Amino acid sequence: MKKTNAARFLDTKKVNYELVEYLVDEADLSAVHVAETIDQNVEQVFKTLVLRGNANGIFVAIVPGNAEVNLKKAAKVSGNKNAVMVQMKELLPLTGYIRGACSPLGMKKSYPMFIHESCLNFETIFVSAGKRGLQIKIDPQDLIACANIRVCDLVNV
């Protein structure tokens, strides 16, 4: 298994994590499918979403796999009046990652990051390792600390 930028980032920070491989279904790249494939609770499998705010530009929202980001909440916590998801064609140039493999770790540039507060309900959560078919299992506190992520409410109730 080849190390990804996300895994190398964690190695440089000396953070404990585990790489978890799974079989990719190109027709279903959803976090719900990933959770089912790795036999985990979908609330513990977090998806990384890249957004653009009207005032502060690009930022990242990390939300549970079964949730939808609330754009108004995301805009507010990031210091914007409104926010939209970036277009899929922008994902690779902005982050270095493709859809279905966007990790909050090891992006091309450092963007403000926000994670939904439910991550603190678990000993470990899963985020993309930066490659389809590979997840990082990590203590949410370690993830928050090593990547300077702000914990807040980001999803629709």
N, C-alpha and C. Protein backbone atom coordinates (compact mmCIF):
# COMPACT_ATOMS: atom_id res chain seq x y z
N MET A 1 0.85 -1.18 0.00
CA MET A 1 0.00 0.00 0.00
C MET A 1 0.89 1.24 0.00
N LYS A 2 0.73 2.05 -1.02
CA LYS A 2 1.54 3.26 -1.17
C LYS A 2 0.99 4.37 -0.27
N LYS A 3 1.88 5.07 0.42
CA LYS A 3 1.47 6.17 1.29
C LYS A 3 0.95 7.34 0.46
N THR A 4 -0.08 7.97 0.95
CA THR A 4 -0.65 9.14 0.29
C THR A 4 -0.10 10.41 0.95
N ASN A 5 -0.35 11.55 0.33
CA ASN A 5 0.06 12.83 0.93
C ASN A 5 -0.55 13.00 2.32
N ALA A 6 -1.79 12.58 2.47
CA ALA A 6 -2.47 12.68 3.77
C ALA A 6 -1.75 11.85 4.82
N ALA A 7 -1.38 10.62 4.49
CA ALA A 7 -0.67 9.76 5.44
C ALA A 7 0.72 10.32 5.75
N ARG A 8 1.40 10.83 4.73
CA ARG A 8 2.72 11.44 4.97
C ARG A 8 2.60 12.67 5.88
N PHE A 9 1.54 13.45 5.69
CA PHE A 9 1.29 14.61 6.55
C PHE A 9 1.19 14.17 8.00
N LEU A 10 0.41 13.11 8.26
CA LEU A 10 0.26 12.61 9.64
C LEU A 10 1.57 12.06 10.17
N ASP A 11 2.35 11.41 9.31
CA ASP A 11 3.66 10.90 9.73
C ASP A 11 4.57 12.04 10.19
N THR A 12 4.57 13.15 9.46
CA THR A 12 5.43 14.28 9.84
C THR A 12 4.99 14.88 11.17
N LYS A 13 3.70 14.78 11.48
CA LYS A 13 3.17 15.31 12.75
C LYS A 13 3.25 14.27 13.88
N LYS A 14 3.73 13.07 13.54
CA LYS A 14 3.83 11.96 14.49
C LYS A 14 2.48 11.62 15.15
N VAL A 15 1.45 11.57 14.31
CA VAL A 15 0.10 11.27 14.77
C VAL A 15 -0.22 9.79 14.49
N ASN A 16 -0.85 9.15 15.45
CA ASN A 16 -1.27 7.76 15.27
C ASN A 16 -2.51 7.71 14.38
N TYR A 17 -2.50 6.77 13.44
CA TYR A 17 -3.64 6.57 12.54
C TYR A 17 -3.52 5.18 11.95
N GLU A 18 -4.58 4.76 11.30
CA GLU A 18 -4.58 3.46 10.62
C GLU A 18 -5.14 3.67 9.22
N LEU A 19 -4.52 3.07 8.22
CA LEU A 19 -5.04 3.11 6.86
C LEU A 19 -5.98 1.92 6.68
N VAL A 20 -7.16 2.19 6.15
CA VAL A 20 -8.17 1.15 5.94
C VAL A 20 -8.53 1.12 4.46
N GLU A 21 -8.24 -0.03 3.83
CA GLU A 21 -8.54 -0.20 2.40
C GLU A 21 -9.96 -0.71 2.22
N TYR A 22 -10.55 -0.34 1.09
CA TYR A 22 -11.87 -0.85 0.74
C TYR A 22 -11.99 -0.92 -0.77
N LEU A 23 -12.95 -1.72 -1.22
CA LEU A 23 -13.20 -1.90 -2.64
C LEU A 23 -14.02 -0.72 -3.16
N VAL A 24 -13.54 -0.06 -4.20
CA VAL A 24 -14.20 1.12 -4.74
C VAL A 24 -15.29 0.72 -5.73
N ASP A 25 -16.41 1.42 -5.62
CA ASP A 25 -17.48 1.29 -6.60
C ASP A 25 -17.57 2.64 -7.32
N GLU A 26 -17.05 2.72 -8.54
CA GLU A 26 -17.00 3.98 -9.29
C GLU A 26 -18.40 4.57 -9.49
N ALA A 27 -19.43 3.74 -9.44
CA ALA A 27 -20.79 4.22 -9.61
C ALA A 27 -21.37 4.81 -8.32
N ASP A 28 -20.72 4.54 -7.20
CA ASP A 28 -21.20 5.06 -5.91
C ASP A 28 -20.00 5.43 -5.04
N LEU A 29 -19.63 6.70 -5.09
CA LEU A 29 -18.48 7.20 -4.32
C LEU A 29 -18.91 7.83 -3.00
N SER A 30 -20.16 7.62 -2.61
CA SER A 30 -20.71 8.27 -1.42
C SER A 30 -20.07 7.75 -0.13
N ALA A 31 -20.12 8.61 0.88
CA ALA A 31 -19.63 8.22 2.21
C ALA A 31 -20.48 7.11 2.80
N VAL A 32 -21.77 7.10 2.45
CA VAL A 32 -22.66 6.04 2.93
C VAL A 32 -22.16 4.69 2.40
N HIS A 33 -21.82 4.65 1.11
CA HIS A 33 -21.30 3.41 0.53
C HIS A 33 -19.96 3.01 1.17
N VAL A 34 -19.09 4.00 1.39
CA VAL A 34 -17.79 3.71 2.03
C VAL A 34 -18.04 3.10 3.41
N ALA A 35 -18.94 3.70 4.19
CA ALA A 35 -19.23 3.18 5.54
C ALA A 35 -19.72 1.73 5.48
N GLU A 36 -20.62 1.45 4.54
CA GLU A 36 -21.11 0.08 4.40
C GLU A 36 -19.98 -0.87 4.03
N THR A 37 -19.11 -0.43 3.12
CA THR A 37 -18.03 -1.28 2.62
C THR A 37 -17.01 -1.60 3.70
N ILE A 38 -16.73 -0.62 4.57
CA ILE A 38 -15.74 -0.87 5.64
C ILE A 38 -16.42 -1.29 6.95
N ASP A 39 -17.75 -1.53 6.87
CA ASP A 39 -18.54 -2.01 8.01
C ASP A 39 -18.42 -1.08 9.21
N GLN A 40 -18.67 0.22 8.96
CA GLN A 40 -18.61 1.22 10.02
C GLN A 40 -19.90 2.03 10.04
N ASN A 41 -20.14 2.65 11.17
CA ASN A 41 -21.27 3.55 11.35
C ASN A 41 -21.08 4.75 10.42
N VAL A 42 -22.07 5.10 9.62
CA VAL A 42 -21.94 6.19 8.65
C VAL A 42 -21.69 7.54 9.34
N GLU A 43 -22.13 7.67 10.60
CA GLU A 43 -21.87 8.92 11.33
C GLU A 43 -20.40 9.10 11.66
N GLN A 44 -19.62 8.01 11.59
CA GLN A 44 -18.18 8.08 11.88
C GLN A 44 -17.33 8.27 10.62
N VAL A 45 -17.94 8.12 9.46
CA VAL A 45 -17.22 8.29 8.19
C VAL A 45 -17.51 9.70 7.69
N PHE A 46 -16.50 10.55 7.76
CA PHE A 46 -16.67 11.96 7.44
C PHE A 46 -16.25 12.26 6.00
N LYS A 47 -17.03 13.12 5.36
CA LYS A 47 -16.70 13.53 4.00
C LYS A 47 -16.12 14.94 4.04
N THR A 48 -15.20 15.20 3.11
CA THR A 48 -14.51 16.47 3.03
C THR A 48 -15.08 17.26 1.86
N LEU A 49 -15.66 18.41 2.17
CA LEU A 49 -16.29 19.24 1.15
C LEU A 49 -15.54 20.55 1.03
N VAL A 50 -15.31 20.98 -0.20
CA VAL A 50 -14.57 22.23 -0.44
C VAL A 50 -15.58 23.28 -0.90
N LEU A 51 -15.57 24.41 -0.21
CA LEU A 51 -16.54 25.47 -0.47
C LEU A 51 -15.82 26.78 -0.76
N ARG A 52 -16.59 27.70 -1.36
CA ARG A 52 -16.07 29.04 -1.63
C ARG A 52 -17.00 30.04 -0.96
N GLY A 53 -16.44 30.86 -0.08
CA GLY A 53 -17.21 31.90 0.58
C GLY A 53 -17.11 33.19 -0.21
N ASN A 54 -18.13 34.05 -0.08
CA ASN A 54 -18.15 35.29 -0.85
C ASN A 54 -17.09 36.29 -0.39
N ALA A 55 -16.66 36.21 0.86
CA ALA A 55 -15.68 37.18 1.38
C ALA A 55 -14.28 36.60 1.56
N ASN A 56 -14.20 35.38 2.06
CA ASN A 56 -12.90 34.81 2.44
C ASN A 56 -12.39 33.69 1.54
N GLY A 57 -13.07 33.41 0.46
CA GLY A 57 -12.57 32.42 -0.49
C GLY A 57 -12.77 30.99 -0.05
N ILE A 58 -11.82 30.15 -0.41
CA ILE A 58 -11.92 28.70 -0.24
C ILE A 58 -11.79 28.30 1.23
N PHE A 59 -12.66 27.36 1.65
CA PHE A 59 -12.54 26.74 2.96
C PHE A 59 -13.09 25.32 2.88
N VAL A 60 -12.85 24.55 3.93
CA VAL A 60 -13.18 23.12 3.92
C VAL A 60 -14.15 22.80 5.06
N ALA A 61 -15.20 22.05 4.74
CA ALA A 61 -16.16 21.57 5.73
C ALA A 61 -16.08 20.04 5.77
N ILE A 62 -15.93 19.50 6.96
CA ILE A 62 -15.81 18.06 7.15
C ILE A 62 -17.05 17.62 7.93
N VAL A 63 -17.90 16.83 7.29
CA VAL A 63 -19.20 16.50 7.88
C VAL A 63 -19.44 14.99 7.84
N PRO A 64 -20.31 14.51 8.75
CA PRO A 64 -20.63 13.07 8.76
C PRO A 64 -21.18 12.62 7.41
N GLY A 65 -20.92 11.38 7.07
CA GLY A 65 -21.28 10.82 5.78
C GLY A 65 -22.76 10.82 5.47
N ASN A 66 -23.59 10.83 6.51
CA ASN A 66 -25.04 10.79 6.29
C ASN A 66 -25.66 12.18 6.37
N ALA A 67 -24.84 13.22 6.49
CA ALA A 67 -25.36 14.57 6.67
C ALA A 67 -25.09 15.44 5.45
N GLU A 68 -25.87 16.52 5.35
CA GLU A 68 -25.63 17.53 4.33
C GLU A 68 -25.12 18.77 4.99
N VAL A 69 -24.12 19.39 4.39
CA VAL A 69 -23.61 20.64 4.95
C VAL A 69 -24.69 21.71 4.82
N ASN A 70 -24.86 22.49 5.87
CA ASN A 70 -25.76 23.63 5.84
C ASN A 70 -24.92 24.83 5.37
N LEU A 71 -25.17 25.29 4.17
CA LEU A 71 -24.34 26.34 3.57
C LEU A 71 -24.38 27.65 4.36
N LYS A 72 -25.51 27.95 4.98
CA LYS A 72 -25.61 29.17 5.80
C LYS A 72 -24.72 29.06 7.04
N LYS A 73 -24.78 27.90 7.71
CA LYS A 73 -23.94 27.69 8.90
C LYS A 73 -22.46 27.70 8.52
N ALA A 74 -22.13 27.03 7.41
CA ALA A 74 -20.74 26.98 6.96
C ALA A 74 -20.23 28.38 6.63
N ALA A 75 -21.06 29.15 5.95
CA ALA A 75 -20.67 30.53 5.61
C ALA A 75 -20.41 31.33 6.87
N LYS A 76 -21.32 31.23 7.82
CA LYS A 76 -21.20 32.03 9.05
C LYS A 76 -19.92 31.69 9.83
N VAL A 77 -19.65 30.39 10.05
CA VAL A 77 -18.46 30.03 10.84
C VAL A 77 -17.17 30.39 10.12
N SER A 78 -17.22 30.50 8.79
CA SER A 78 -16.01 30.82 8.03
C SER A 78 -15.87 32.33 7.77
N GLY A 79 -16.78 33.12 8.34
CA GLY A 79 -16.68 34.57 8.19
C GLY A 79 -17.21 35.09 6.87
N ASN A 80 -18.11 34.35 6.25
CA ASN A 80 -18.71 34.73 4.98
C ASN A 80 -20.20 34.97 5.15
N LYS A 81 -20.78 35.71 4.21
CA LYS A 81 -22.24 35.90 4.20
C LYS A 81 -22.92 34.71 3.53
N ASN A 82 -22.26 34.16 2.50
CA ASN A 82 -22.79 32.97 1.85
C ASN A 82 -21.63 32.14 1.31
N ALA A 83 -21.97 30.91 0.99
CA ALA A 83 -20.95 29.97 0.50
C ALA A 83 -21.60 29.00 -0.47
N VAL A 84 -20.80 28.50 -1.40
CA VAL A 84 -21.24 27.49 -2.36
C VAL A 84 -20.18 26.41 -2.46
N MET A 85 -20.61 25.24 -2.88
CA MET A 85 -19.64 24.17 -3.14
C MET A 85 -18.83 24.56 -4.37
N VAL A 86 -17.53 24.24 -4.39
CA VAL A 86 -16.75 24.51 -5.60
C VAL A 86 -17.18 23.52 -6.67
N GLN A 87 -16.97 23.88 -7.92
CA GLN A 87 -17.31 22.97 -9.00
C GLN A 87 -16.32 21.81 -9.01
N MET A 88 -16.81 20.66 -9.46
CA MET A 88 -15.97 19.46 -9.45
C MET A 88 -14.66 19.66 -10.22
N LYS A 89 -14.70 20.40 -11.33
CA LYS A 89 -13.49 20.61 -12.12
C LYS A 89 -12.45 21.44 -11.36
N GLU A 90 -12.87 22.16 -10.31
CA GLU A 90 -11.94 22.97 -9.52
C GLU A 90 -11.27 22.18 -8.41
N LEU A 91 -11.84 21.04 -8.04
CA LEU A 91 -11.37 20.27 -6.90
C LEU A 91 -9.89 19.88 -7.00
N LEU A 92 -9.50 19.27 -8.09
CA LEU A 92 -8.11 18.83 -8.26
C LEU A 92 -7.13 20.01 -8.26
N PRO A 93 -7.36 21.08 -9.04
CA PRO A 93 -6.42 22.20 -9.00
C PRO A 93 -6.32 22.87 -7.63
N LEU A 94 -7.42 22.92 -6.89
CA LEU A 94 -7.41 23.57 -5.59
C LEU A 94 -6.78 22.72 -4.49
N THR A 95 -7.06 21.42 -4.52
CA THR A 95 -6.67 20.56 -3.39
C THR A 95 -5.60 19.53 -3.72
N GLY A 96 -5.51 19.14 -4.99
CA GLY A 96 -4.64 18.02 -5.35
C GLY A 96 -5.37 16.69 -5.27
N TYR A 97 -6.66 16.73 -4.95
CA TYR A 97 -7.45 15.51 -4.81
C TYR A 97 -8.63 15.51 -5.78
N ILE A 98 -9.14 14.29 -6.05
CA ILE A 98 -10.30 14.14 -6.94
C ILE A 98 -11.54 13.79 -6.11
N ARG A 99 -12.71 13.91 -6.75
CA ARG A 99 -13.97 13.56 -6.09
C ARG A 99 -13.91 12.10 -5.63
N GLY A 100 -14.37 11.88 -4.42
CA GLY A 100 -14.35 10.53 -3.86
C GLY A 100 -13.05 10.20 -3.18
N ALA A 101 -12.12 11.15 -3.19
CA ALA A 101 -10.81 10.92 -2.55
C ALA A 101 -10.24 12.21 -1.99
N CYS A 102 -11.10 13.15 -1.62
CA CYS A 102 -10.63 14.43 -1.10
C CYS A 102 -10.39 14.30 0.40
N SER A 103 -9.15 14.45 0.80
CA SER A 103 -8.78 14.36 2.20
C SER A 103 -8.59 15.76 2.77
N PRO A 104 -8.92 15.95 4.05
CA PRO A 104 -8.65 17.24 4.67
C PRO A 104 -7.16 17.42 4.97
N LEU A 105 -6.40 16.37 4.79
CA LEU A 105 -4.96 16.39 5.11
C LEU A 105 -4.12 16.37 3.85
N GLY A 106 -3.04 17.13 3.83
CA GLY A 106 -2.11 17.08 2.71
C GLY A 106 -2.59 17.75 1.45
N MET A 107 -3.49 18.73 1.58
CA MET A 107 -3.94 19.46 0.40
C MET A 107 -2.80 20.32 -0.15
N LYS A 108 -2.93 20.71 -1.44
CA LYS A 108 -1.93 21.56 -2.10
C LYS A 108 -1.67 22.84 -1.32
N LYS A 109 -2.75 23.43 -0.80
CA LYS A 109 -2.67 24.67 -0.04
C LYS A 109 -3.35 24.46 1.30
N SER A 110 -3.02 25.33 2.23
CA SER A 110 -3.65 25.28 3.54
C SER A 110 -4.89 26.18 3.52
N TYR A 111 -6.05 25.59 3.75
CA TYR A 111 -7.31 26.33 3.77
C TYR A 111 -7.89 26.27 5.18
N PRO A 112 -8.71 27.25 5.56
CA PRO A 112 -9.41 27.14 6.84
C PRO A 112 -10.28 25.89 6.82
N MET A 113 -10.28 25.15 7.94
CA MET A 113 -11.03 23.90 8.00
C MET A 113 -11.95 23.88 9.21
N PHE A 114 -13.13 23.30 8.98
CA PHE A 114 -14.15 23.22 10.00
C PHE A 114 -14.71 21.81 9.99
N ILE A 115 -14.87 21.23 11.18
CA ILE A 115 -15.43 19.87 11.28
C ILE A 115 -16.67 19.90 12.15
N HIS A 116 -17.65 19.08 11.77
CA HIS A 116 -18.89 19.05 12.54
C HIS A 116 -18.62 18.49 13.94
N GLU A 117 -19.25 19.11 14.92
CA GLU A 117 -19.03 18.80 16.33
C GLU A 117 -19.33 17.35 16.70
N SER A 118 -20.12 16.64 15.91
CA SER A 118 -20.44 15.24 16.23
C SER A 118 -19.20 14.35 16.20
N CYS A 119 -18.12 14.82 15.58
CA CYS A 119 -16.90 14.00 15.55
C CYS A 119 -16.40 13.69 16.96
N LEU A 120 -16.72 14.58 17.91
CA LEU A 120 -16.25 14.40 19.29
C LEU A 120 -17.02 13.30 20.03
N ASN A 121 -18.08 12.77 19.41
CA ASN A 121 -18.85 11.69 20.02
C ASN A 121 -18.17 10.33 19.86
N PHE A 122 -17.08 10.27 19.10
CA PHE A 122 -16.45 8.99 18.76
C PHE A 122 -14.98 8.96 19.17
N GLU A 123 -14.51 7.76 19.52
CA GLU A 123 -13.08 7.58 19.81
C GLU A 123 -12.27 7.69 18.53
N THR A 124 -12.82 7.18 17.44
CA THR A 124 -12.16 7.27 16.14
C THR A 124 -13.18 7.64 15.08
N ILE A 125 -12.69 8.34 14.05
CA ILE A 125 -13.51 8.64 12.88
C ILE A 125 -12.69 8.27 11.65
N PHE A 126 -13.35 8.31 10.50
CA PHE A 126 -12.69 8.00 9.24
C PHE A 126 -12.78 9.21 8.33
N VAL A 127 -11.66 9.53 7.67
CA VAL A 127 -11.64 10.55 6.63
C VAL A 127 -10.88 9.96 5.45
N SER A 128 -11.08 10.53 4.29
CA SER A 128 -10.38 10.03 3.11
C SER A 128 -8.87 10.15 3.30
N ALA A 129 -8.17 9.16 2.78
CA ALA A 129 -6.70 9.19 2.82
C ALA A 129 -6.14 9.86 1.57
N GLY A 130 -7.02 10.37 0.69
CA GLY A 130 -6.56 11.06 -0.51
C GLY A 130 -6.49 10.18 -1.74
N LYS A 131 -7.06 8.99 -1.62
CA LYS A 131 -7.07 8.05 -2.74
C LYS A 131 -8.34 7.22 -2.62
N ARG A 132 -9.04 7.04 -3.72
CA ARG A 132 -10.23 6.18 -3.69
C ARG A 132 -9.82 4.79 -3.23
N GLY A 133 -10.60 4.23 -2.32
CA GLY A 133 -10.28 2.90 -1.80
C GLY A 133 -9.44 2.93 -0.55
N LEU A 134 -9.24 4.12 0.03
CA LEU A 134 -8.38 4.21 1.21
C LEU A 134 -8.90 5.28 2.17
N GLN A 135 -9.13 4.87 3.41
CA GLN A 135 -9.59 5.78 4.47
C GLN A 135 -8.54 5.83 5.58
N ILE A 136 -8.55 6.93 6.32
CA ILE A 136 -7.71 7.07 7.51
C ILE A 136 -8.61 6.96 8.73
N LYS A 137 -8.26 6.03 9.62
CA LYS A 137 -8.96 5.89 10.90
C LYS A 137 -8.12 6.65 11.92
N ILE A 138 -8.74 7.63 12.59
CA ILE A 138 -7.97 8.53 13.45
C ILE A 138 -8.81 9.02 14.62
N ASP A 139 -8.16 9.33 15.72
CA ASP A 139 -8.82 9.97 16.85
C ASP A 139 -9.18 11.39 16.42
N PRO A 140 -10.45 11.79 16.55
CA PRO A 140 -10.83 13.12 16.07
C PRO A 140 -10.04 14.25 16.74
N GLN A 141 -9.67 14.06 18.00
CA GLN A 141 -8.87 15.08 18.69
C GLN A 141 -7.51 15.25 18.03
N ASP A 142 -6.91 14.14 17.59
CA ASP A 142 -5.62 14.21 16.89
C ASP A 142 -5.77 14.91 15.55
N LEU A 143 -6.84 14.58 14.83
CA LEU A 143 -7.09 15.21 13.54
C LEU A 143 -7.25 16.72 13.71
N ILE A 144 -8.06 17.12 14.67
CA ILE A 144 -8.33 18.54 14.94
C ILE A 144 -7.04 19.27 15.29
N ALA A 145 -6.24 18.67 16.16
CA ALA A 145 -5.01 19.32 16.62
C ALA A 145 -3.95 19.43 15.52
N CYS A 146 -3.74 18.36 14.77
CA CYS A 146 -2.64 18.35 13.80
C CYS A 146 -2.93 19.20 12.57
N ALA A 147 -4.23 19.39 12.26
CA ALA A 147 -4.58 20.14 11.05
C ALA A 147 -5.24 21.49 11.36
N ASN A 148 -5.24 21.87 12.65
CA ASN A 148 -5.78 23.16 13.05
C ASN A 148 -7.22 23.35 12.56
N ILE A 149 -8.06 22.38 12.90
CA ILE A 149 -9.44 22.37 12.44
C ILE A 149 -10.35 22.91 13.55
N ARG A 150 -11.29 23.75 13.17
CA ARG A 150 -12.23 24.32 14.13
C ARG A 150 -13.48 23.44 14.20
N VAL A 151 -13.92 23.13 15.42
CA VAL A 151 -15.10 22.31 15.65
C VAL A 151 -16.32 23.21 15.75
N CYS A 152 -17.38 22.89 15.03
CA CYS A 152 -18.59 23.72 15.04
C CYS A 152 -19.76 22.94 14.48
N ASP A 153 -20.94 23.58 14.48
CA ASP A 153 -22.13 22.98 13.90
C ASP A 153 -22.17 23.35 12.42
N LEU A 154 -22.20 22.35 11.55
CA LEU A 154 -22.14 22.57 10.11
C LEU A 154 -23.27 21.96 9.30
N VAL A 155 -24.15 21.19 9.97
CA VAL A 155 -25.10 20.42 9.16
C VAL A 155 -26.55 20.79 9.43
N ASN A 156 -27.40 20.37 8.49
CA ASN A 156 -28.85 20.52 8.67
C ASN A 156 -29.30 19.57 9.77
N VAL A 157 -30.28 20.01 10.53
CA VAL A 157 -30.76 19.16 11.65
C VAL A 157 -31.84 18.23 11.15
